[in-house]
Amino acid sequence: MDMAYYPGCSLKQSSSLCDVQSRVVFAELGVNLREIRDWNCCGATSAAKIDDFLAVGMAARNIGIAEDAGFSEMVIPCSACYSRTVTARKRMADDADLAVEINEELARPATGRLRIRSVVEALLNEVQRPDFPGRLQVEFKGLRPVCYYGCMLTRFPADGALAADDVENPRGMETALQELGVPAADWNMKTACCGASAQMTDPALADALMAEILKDALARNANCIVTTCPMCQMNLDFRQDHIGPVHGIDNRLPVYFLTELVGAALGLSPERLQMDRHFLDCVSLLKEAS
């Protein structure tokens, strides 16, 4: 099965690991992620601060490209890109005049018929298939994860834009992990902000936000964090060795992508998943837990 795929800027630069793993794992699941041609930055959190019309138009252009290529669905791993694209589609659906203005500027108009899927939705669709349990190769009995959604995956800056999961207490990742035989602990910080956007302007604030996330995860006896957002993953993975001494946190928690654990459970090797690219060691725990 082919599905349109929008990687976005992060997956081509700082979080190229997420791009690699997304393609490998979905291919293993029988889904061919087809990167849309000539895509552009969605504007993420920045464009809307400068030019609202441009912010909608940038995401709409990618929608139009996918629709013109004949796709009915498009998966977007990055939470910021997903939020921006869902918001653009909703804004155009609610404002006919805006939609006309935007589409007049586009070579490929965005009609709104394209379904925008988060990576959680797309994975759930695959791991809940009847034949999936028989494909599992590795059982992770020793994993005690908490699922971290971050602040953008279920919240959109557009009135009436419906999330695919509960806004305050999403359960999609927990459901997916349950299909792997891995129960996730409940906790308070699953939709808290990690401060990724603030890391350049106020790193002390960002570190304090992450410290609260790590402390709550450790209080639940978690030994790892699972996420889908490339910015959240990089922030939490990269900064722990700095945050720990400053905030009195001795333990380090590997930060996995959900796709990564699905791939590992399907028997994909750490080398195939390029797990050595994490800042913190994440291979040892999987070996101990399996």
Protein backbone atom coordinates (compact mmCIF):
# COMPACT_ATOMS: atom_id res chain seq x y z
CA MET A 1 0.00 0.00 0.00
CA ASP A 2 1.25 3.46 -0.92
CA MET A 3 0.71 6.48 1.32
CA ALA A 4 1.80 10.07 0.79
CA TYR A 5 4.59 11.07 3.13
CA TYR A 6 5.55 14.56 4.22
CA PRO A 7 8.84 14.47 6.16
CA GLY A 8 9.21 18.18 6.83
CA CYS A 9 12.42 20.04 7.56
CA SER A 10 13.38 18.40 10.86
CA LEU A 11 13.40 14.92 9.37
CA LYS A 12 15.82 16.06 6.69
CA GLN A 13 18.21 17.65 9.15
CA SER A 14 18.35 17.34 12.95
CA SER A 15 16.03 14.33 13.14
CA SER A 16 16.96 12.41 10.02
CA LEU A 17 16.93 9.32 12.25
CA CYS A 18 13.15 9.64 12.47
CA ASP A 19 12.96 9.73 8.68
CA VAL A 20 15.09 6.60 8.32
CA GLN A 21 13.11 4.67 10.91
CA SER A 22 9.73 5.76 9.57
CA ARG A 23 10.54 4.50 6.08
CA VAL A 24 12.09 1.22 7.27
CA VAL A 25 9.37 0.33 9.78
CA PHE A 26 6.41 1.21 7.58
CA ALA A 27 7.97 -0.75 4.73
CA GLU A 28 8.24 -3.74 7.08
CA LEU A 29 4.54 -3.27 7.81
CA GLY A 30 3.72 -3.27 4.10
CA VAL A 31 3.24 0.47 3.71
CA ASN A 32 5.30 2.31 1.12
CA LEU A 33 5.76 5.89 2.28
CA ARG A 34 5.88 7.98 -0.89
CA GLU A 35 7.57 11.29 -0.21
CA ILE A 36 5.62 14.00 -2.02
CA ARG A 37 7.59 15.82 -4.71
CA ASP A 38 8.87 19.37 -4.36
CA TRP A 39 7.45 19.84 -0.87
CA ASN A 40 8.18 22.97 1.11
CA CYS A 41 8.53 23.91 4.77
CA CYS A 42 5.10 23.96 6.41
CA GLY A 43 5.93 27.11 8.38
CA ALA A 44 5.68 25.21 11.66
CA THR A 45 5.48 27.58 14.65
CA SER A 46 7.30 30.47 12.99
CA ALA A 47 5.37 31.54 9.89
CA ALA A 48 2.11 32.29 11.71
CA LYS A 49 3.91 34.87 13.84
CA ILE A 50 4.87 36.83 10.73
CA ASP A 51 2.22 36.27 8.06
CA ASP A 52 -1.00 34.34 8.66
CA PHE A 53 -1.81 34.04 4.96
CA LEU A 54 1.63 32.63 4.26
CA ALA A 55 1.34 30.21 7.18
CA VAL A 56 -1.84 28.71 5.73
CA GLY A 57 -0.55 28.81 2.17
CA MET A 58 2.71 27.00 2.87
CA ALA A 59 0.94 23.99 4.35
CA ALA A 60 -1.83 24.14 1.75
CA ARG A 61 0.72 23.86 -1.05
CA ASN A 62 1.89 20.50 0.31
CA ILE A 63 -1.71 19.31 0.57
CA GLY A 64 -2.30 20.29 -3.05
CA ILE A 65 0.81 18.43 -4.21
CA ALA A 66 -0.32 15.23 -2.46
CA GLU A 67 -3.87 15.51 -3.78
CA ASP A 68 -2.65 16.19 -7.32
CA ALA A 69 -0.54 13.02 -7.12
CA GLY A 70 -3.70 11.04 -6.42
CA PHE A 71 -3.20 10.26 -2.75
CA SER A 72 -6.12 10.06 -0.34
CA GLU A 73 -3.99 9.99 2.83
CA MET A 74 -0.76 11.59 3.95
CA VAL A 75 1.24 10.68 7.05
CA ILE A 76 3.26 13.38 8.82
CA PRO A 77 5.66 12.24 11.59
CA CYS A 78 6.57 15.70 12.93
CA SER A 79 4.05 17.01 15.46
CA ALA A 80 4.62 20.65 14.45
CA CYS A 81 4.16 19.85 10.75
CA TYR A 82 1.11 17.74 11.51
CA SER A 83 -0.47 20.48 13.61
CA ARG A 84 0.24 23.16 11.01
CA THR A 85 -1.13 21.07 8.14
CA VAL A 86 -4.31 20.07 9.98
CA THR A 87 -4.79 23.72 10.95
CA ALA A 88 -4.37 24.94 7.36
CA ARG A 89 -6.89 22.44 6.05
CA LYS A 90 -9.39 23.43 8.76
CA ARG A 91 -8.91 27.15 8.15
CA MET A 92 -9.58 26.72 4.44
CA ALA A 93 -12.59 24.50 5.06
CA ASP A 94 -14.13 27.11 7.36
CA ASP A 95 -13.33 30.18 5.25
CA ALA A 96 -14.30 29.87 1.59
CA ASP A 97 -12.84 33.27 0.72
CA LEU A 98 -9.50 32.35 2.26
CA ALA A 99 -9.51 29.04 0.39
CA VAL A 100 -10.08 30.84 -2.92
CA GLU A 101 -7.28 33.32 -2.19
CA ILE A 102 -4.86 30.59 -1.20
CA ASN A 103 -5.65 28.36 -4.16
CA GLU A 104 -5.24 31.25 -6.60
CA GLU A 105 -1.59 31.32 -5.56
CA LEU A 106 -1.06 27.57 -5.91
CA ALA A 107 -0.22 25.58 -9.03
CA ARG A 108 -1.99 22.60 -7.46
CA PRO A 109 -5.08 23.68 -5.48
CA ALA A 110 -5.79 22.13 -2.10
CA THR A 111 -9.34 20.77 -2.12
CA GLY A 112 -9.32 19.37 1.41
CA ARG A 113 -10.13 15.81 0.41
CA LEU A 114 -6.73 14.56 1.64
CA ARG A 115 -6.78 12.87 5.02
CA ILE A 116 -3.92 14.01 7.24
CA ARG A 117 -2.63 11.28 9.54
CA SER A 118 -0.22 11.50 12.44
CA VAL A 119 2.31 8.71 12.73
CA VAL A 120 0.37 7.41 15.76
CA GLU A 121 -2.79 7.03 13.66
CA ALA A 122 -0.92 5.40 10.80
CA LEU A 123 0.86 2.92 13.08
CA LEU A 124 -2.31 2.06 14.96
CA ASN A 125 -3.96 1.18 11.68
CA GLU A 126 -1.22 -1.38 11.05
CA VAL A 127 -0.55 -2.86 14.50
CA GLN A 128 -4.25 -3.48 15.11
CA ARG A 129 -4.60 -5.71 12.07
CA PRO A 130 -5.56 -9.32 12.94
CA ASP A 131 -2.32 -10.77 11.56
CA PHE A 132 0.01 -8.39 13.40
CA PRO A 133 0.57 -10.45 16.60
CA GLY A 134 1.91 -13.32 14.51
CA ARG A 135 4.56 -11.05 13.03
CA LEU A 136 6.14 -10.09 16.34
CA GLN A 137 9.64 -11.50 16.77
CA VAL A 138 10.80 -9.92 20.05
CA GLU A 139 9.00 -9.55 23.38
CA PHE A 140 10.03 -6.71 25.66
CA LYS A 141 9.01 -7.83 29.13
CA GLY A 142 11.36 -5.49 30.94
CA LEU A 143 10.31 -2.21 29.34
CA ARG A 144 8.48 0.27 31.56
CA PRO A 145 7.73 3.18 29.25
CA VAL A 146 5.77 6.38 29.62
CA CYS A 147 4.28 7.83 26.44
CA TYR A 148 5.12 11.45 25.75
CA TYR A 149 2.92 13.23 23.21
CA GLY A 150 4.21 16.76 23.73
CA CYS A 151 2.21 19.93 23.40
CA MET A 152 1.37 19.96 19.66
CA LEU A 153 0.19 16.51 18.60
CA THR A 154 -3.34 16.87 19.96
CA ARG A 155 -3.65 20.68 20.07
CA PHE A 156 -4.23 22.85 17.01
CA PRO A 157 -4.29 26.67 16.66
CA ALA A 158 -7.62 26.53 14.83
CA ASP A 159 -11.08 26.47 16.37
CA GLY A 160 -12.86 23.18 15.80
CA ALA A 161 -9.87 21.26 14.43
CA LEU A 162 -10.48 17.81 15.87
CA ALA A 163 -7.62 15.72 17.19
CA ALA A 164 -7.56 12.01 16.45
CA ASP A 165 -7.10 11.35 20.18
CA ASP A 166 -8.15 12.82 23.50
CA VAL A 167 -6.62 16.28 23.82
CA GLU A 168 -5.58 16.08 27.48
CA ASN A 169 -5.23 12.33 27.93
CA PRO A 170 -4.34 10.74 24.58
CA ARG A 171 -4.01 6.97 24.53
CA GLY A 172 -2.94 6.14 20.98
CA MET A 173 0.67 5.33 21.78
CA GLU A 174 -0.33 3.31 24.83
CA THR A 175 -2.69 1.30 22.63
CA ALA A 176 0.04 0.68 20.06
CA LEU A 177 2.51 -0.44 22.73
CA GLN A 178 -0.12 -2.77 24.19
CA GLU A 179 -0.20 -4.50 20.80
CA LEU A 180 3.51 -5.15 21.33
CA GLY A 181 2.82 -6.58 24.77
CA VAL A 182 4.33 -3.53 26.46
CA PRO A 183 2.10 -1.80 29.03
CA ALA A 184 2.84 1.90 29.54
CA ALA A 185 2.57 3.65 32.89
CA ASP A 186 0.11 6.49 33.35
CA TRP A 187 1.61 9.84 34.28
CA ASN A 188 0.95 13.57 34.46
CA MET A 189 3.28 15.00 31.82
CA LYS A 190 2.23 13.26 28.61
CA THR A 191 1.06 16.50 26.91
CA ALA A 192 3.36 18.94 28.71
CA CYS A 193 5.71 21.15 26.70
CA CYS A 194 9.37 20.11 26.63
CA GLY A 195 10.56 23.59 25.68
CA ALA A 196 12.04 22.60 22.33
CA SER A 197 11.21 25.96 20.77
CA ALA A 198 12.67 27.79 23.77
CA GLN A 199 16.00 25.98 23.69
CA MET A 200 17.64 28.71 21.61
CA THR A 201 16.17 31.73 23.41
CA ASP A 202 15.83 30.54 27.01
CA PRO A 203 17.67 27.24 27.55
CA ALA A 204 17.30 27.43 31.33
CA LEU A 205 13.51 27.51 30.97
CA ALA A 206 13.57 24.65 28.47
CA ASP A 207 15.77 22.59 30.78
CA ALA A 208 13.44 23.24 33.72
CA LEU A 209 10.46 22.04 31.68
CA MET A 210 12.31 18.88 30.71
CA ALA A 211 13.42 18.29 34.28
CA GLU A 212 9.78 18.18 35.38
CA ILE A 213 9.03 15.66 32.65
CA LEU A 214 11.95 13.44 33.62
CA LYS A 215 11.19 13.61 37.34
CA ASP A 216 7.58 12.58 36.83
CA ALA A 217 8.59 9.71 34.54
CA LEU A 218 11.08 8.44 37.12
CA ALA A 219 8.49 8.80 39.88
CA ARG A 220 6.33 6.33 37.90
CA ASN A 221 9.26 3.87 37.83
CA ALA A 222 9.64 4.30 34.07
CA ASN A 223 12.87 3.17 32.46
CA CYS A 224 12.27 4.87 29.10
CA ILE A 225 10.21 7.49 27.30
CA VAL A 226 8.38 6.88 24.02
CA THR A 227 7.43 9.72 21.69
CA THR A 228 6.71 10.48 18.03
CA CYS A 229 7.73 14.14 17.88
CA PRO A 230 11.23 14.61 16.42
CA MET A 231 11.79 17.88 18.27
CA CYS A 232 10.70 16.41 21.61
CA GLN A 233 12.83 13.32 21.08
CA MET A 234 15.96 15.26 20.21
CA ASN A 235 15.45 17.74 23.05
CA LEU A 236 14.98 15.07 25.72
CA ASP A 237 17.67 12.78 24.33
CA PHE A 238 20.32 15.45 23.84
CA ARG A 239 19.89 17.48 27.03
CA GLN A 240 19.62 14.86 29.78
CA ASP A 241 23.33 14.78 30.60
CA HIS A 242 23.21 18.54 31.14
CA ILE A 243 19.86 18.64 32.95
CA GLY A 244 20.67 15.82 35.37
CA PRO A 245 23.44 17.50 37.39
CA VAL A 246 21.66 20.87 37.40
CA HIS A 247 18.30 19.52 38.56
CA GLY A 248 19.43 16.63 40.74
CA ILE A 249 18.41 13.83 38.38
CA ASP A 250 20.78 10.86 38.53
CA ASN A 251 19.04 8.43 36.18
CA ARG A 252 19.01 8.69 32.40
CA LEU A 253 16.02 7.56 30.37
CA PRO A 254 16.38 6.42 26.75
CA VAL A 255 13.96 8.30 24.51
CA TYR A 256 12.57 6.04 21.78
CA PHE A 257 10.43 6.80 18.79
CA LEU A 258 7.25 4.72 18.72
CA THR A 259 8.21 3.52 15.24
CA GLU A 260 11.55 2.39 16.67
CA LEU A 261 9.95 0.06 19.22
CA VAL A 262 7.52 -1.31 16.65
CA GLY A 263 10.45 -2.04 14.34
CA ALA A 264 12.48 -3.66 17.11
CA ALA A 265 9.51 -5.85 18.07
CA LEU A 266 9.22 -6.94 14.44
CA GLY A 267 12.82 -8.12 14.61
CA LEU A 268 14.58 -5.24 12.87
CA SER A 269 18.13 -4.96 14.17
CA PRO A 270 19.54 -1.90 15.96
CA GLU A 271 21.83 -1.44 12.95
CA ARG A 272 18.90 -1.42 10.54
CA LEU A 273 17.12 1.10 12.76
CA GLN A 274 20.35 3.10 13.21
CA MET A 275 19.80 3.21 16.96
CA ASP A 276 23.42 4.12 17.57
CA ARG A 277 22.52 7.65 16.46
CA HIS A 278 20.81 8.40 19.76
CA PHE A 279 22.76 10.61 22.15
CA LEU A 280 21.90 8.31 25.07
CA ASP A 281 22.44 4.57 24.85
CA CYS A 282 19.11 3.00 23.95
CA VAL A 283 20.27 -0.40 22.72
CA SER A 284 21.35 -1.82 26.08
CA LEU A 285 17.90 -1.45 27.64
CA LEU A 286 16.21 -3.25 24.76
CA LYS A 287 18.67 -6.12 25.06
CA GLU A 288 18.09 -6.34 28.81
CA ALA A 289 14.31 -6.09 28.43
CA SER A 290 13.93 -8.73 25.71
